[in-house]
C-alpha atoms as a PDB file:
ATOM      1  CA  UNK A   1      91.043 105.379  91.297  1.00  0.00           C
ATOM      2  CA  UNK A   2      94.289 103.622  90.400  1.00  0.00           C
ATOM      3  CA  UNK A   3      94.122  99.643  90.514  1.00  0.00           C
ATOM      4  CA  UNK A   4      97.237  97.517  90.788  1.00  0.00           C
ATOM      5  CA  UNK A   5      98.082  93.972  90.376  1.00  0.00           C
ATOM      6  CA  UNK A   6      97.200  91.822  93.881  1.00  0.00           C
ATOM      7  CA  UNK A   7      94.220  94.482  94.791  1.00  0.00           C
ATOM      8  CA  UNK A   8      90.984  93.066  96.353  1.00  0.00           C
ATOM      9  CA  UNK A   9      88.210  94.372  94.243  1.00  0.00           C
ATOM     10  CA  UNK A  10      84.379  93.933  94.350  1.00  0.00           C
ATOM     11  CA  UNK A  11      82.208  93.420  91.206  1.00  0.00           C
ATOM     12  CA  UNK A  12      79.733  96.238  91.502  1.00  0.00           C
ATOM     13  CA  UNK A  13      76.869  94.476  89.219  1.00  0.00           C
ATOM     14  CA  UNK A  14      77.450  91.359  91.447  1.00  0.00           C
ATOM     15  CA  UNK A  15      79.024  91.915  94.356  1.00  0.00           C
ATOM     16  CA  UNK A  16      81.566  89.266  93.936  1.00  0.00           C
ATOM     17  CA  UNK A  17      84.939  89.779  95.549  1.00  0.00           C
ATOM     18  CA  UNK A  18      88.227  88.874  94.058  1.00  0.00           C
ATOM     19  CA  UNK A  19      92.028  89.556  93.141  1.00  0.00           C
ATOM     20  CA  UNK A  20      93.514  91.220  90.300  1.00  0.00           C
ATOM     21  CA  UNK A  21      95.429  88.713  88.338  1.00  0.00           C
ATOM     22  CA  UNK A  22      96.273  90.925  84.909  1.00  0.00           C
ATOM     23  CA  UNK A  23      96.324  94.534  83.823  1.00  0.00           C
ATOM     24  CA  UNK A  24      96.339  95.545  80.418  1.00  0.00           C
ATOM     25  CA  UNK A  25      96.557  99.298  79.843  1.00  0.00           C
ATOM     26  CA  UNK A  26      97.956 100.872  76.983  1.00  0.00           C
ATOM     27  CA  UNK A  27      97.632 104.236  75.353  1.00  0.00           C
ATOM     28  CA  UNK A  28      95.252 104.061  72.352  1.00  0.00           C
ATOM     29  CA  UNK A  29      94.664 100.132  72.720  1.00  0.00           C
ATOM     30  CA  UNK A  30      91.789  98.168  74.536  1.00  0.00           C
ATOM     31  CA  UNK A  31      92.033  98.385  78.222  1.00  0.00           C
ATOM     32  CA  UNK A  32      91.151  95.425  80.757  1.00  0.00           C
ATOM     33  CA  UNK A  33      91.674  94.203  84.201  1.00  0.00           C
ATOM     34  CA  UNK A  34      91.410  90.588  84.978  1.00  0.00           C
ATOM     35  CA  UNK A  35      89.873  89.560  88.462  1.00  0.00           C
ATOM     36  CA  UNK A  36      90.210  85.762  89.720  1.00  0.00           C
ATOM     37  CA  UNK A  37      87.110  85.162  91.935  1.00  0.00           C
ATOM     38  CA  UNK A  38      87.917  82.584  94.166  1.00  0.00           C
ATOM     39  CA  UNK A  39      84.188  82.299  95.872  1.00  0.00           C
ATOM     40  CA  UNK A  40      83.780  78.842  94.239  1.00  0.00           C
ATOM     41  CA  UNK A  41      80.910  80.264  91.752  1.00  0.00           C
ATOM     42  CA  UNK A  42      81.402  80.535  88.065  1.00  0.00           C
ATOM     43  CA  UNK A  43      82.870  82.130  85.955  1.00  0.00           C
ATOM     44  CA  UNK A  44      85.950  81.995  88.155  1.00  0.00           C
ATOM     45  CA  UNK A  45      87.495  84.870  86.263  1.00  0.00           C
ATOM     46  CA  UNK A  46      85.916  88.612  85.019  1.00  0.00           C
ATOM     47  CA  UNK A  47      87.429  90.874  82.495  1.00  0.00           C
ATOM     48  CA  UNK A  48      86.628  94.286  83.034  1.00  0.00           C
ATOM     49  CA  UNK A  49      86.866  96.770  80.364  1.00  0.00           C
ATOM     50  CA  UNK A  50      85.911  99.673  82.351  1.00  0.00           C
ATOM     51  CA  UNK A  51      87.689 100.250  85.688  1.00  0.00           C
ATOM     52  CA  UNK A  52      84.237 102.209  87.178  1.00  0.00           C
ATOM     53  CA  UNK A  53      83.007  98.802  87.376  1.00  0.00           C
ATOM     54  CA  UNK A  54      85.302  97.516  90.335  1.00  0.00           C
ATOM     55  CA  UNK A  55      85.230  99.128  93.979  1.00  0.00           C
ATOM     56  CA  UNK A  56      88.677  99.013  95.746  1.00  0.00           C
ATOM     57  CA  UNK A  57      88.244  96.561  98.624  1.00  0.00           C
ATOM     58  CA  UNK A  58      92.189  96.419 100.141  1.00  0.00           C
ATOM     59  CA  UNK A  59      95.369  97.502  98.540  1.00  0.00           C
ATOM     60  CA  UNK A  60      98.423  95.701  99.183  1.00  0.00           C
ATOM     61  CA  UNK A  61     100.713  98.624  97.753  1.00  0.00           C
ATOM     62  CA  UNK A  62      99.490 101.111 100.842  1.00  0.00           C
ATOM     63  CA  UNK A  63     101.333 101.364 103.792  1.00  0.00           C
ATOM     64  CA  UNK A  64      98.228  99.773 106.729  1.00  0.00           C
ATOM     65  CA  UNK A  65     100.380 100.892 109.569  1.00  0.00           C
ATOM     66  CA  UNK A  66     103.035  99.810 111.599  1.00  0.00           C
ATOM     67  CA  UNK A  67     104.104  96.496 111.502  1.00  0.00           C
ATOM     68  CA  UNK A  68     105.694  93.586 114.210  1.00  0.00           C
ATOM     69  CA  UNK A  69     108.395  95.290 116.281  1.00  0.00           C
ATOM     70  CA  UNK A  70     109.886  93.267 118.544  1.00  0.00           C
ATOM     71  CA  UNK A  71     110.457  94.713 122.564  1.00  0.00           C
ATOM     72  CA  UNK A  72     114.081  94.047 122.174  1.00  0.00           C
ATOM     73  CA  UNK A  73     116.768  93.650 120.025  1.00  0.00           C
ATOM     74  CA  UNK A  74     117.011  90.139 118.337  1.00  0.00           C
ATOM     75  CA  UNK A  75     120.455  91.464 117.004  1.00  0.00           C
ATOM     76  CA  UNK A  76     123.677  92.576 118.903  1.00  0.00           C
END
């Protein structure tokens, strides 16, 4: 799985959902994914050093289907 900035993920250990707001992935260095939890619980941020600790819920980078298309043209 490849996670992206802005992905909604779930911390498998706690079932808390949040948004990835920082990704630090470098070859040969320590990698981590920072997740911002907006559920009001503490801590508001989680640092994950193993991608397998996270479950992808939604990815804004994938095509979720057709968007709004007007019935008739709006431009001449």
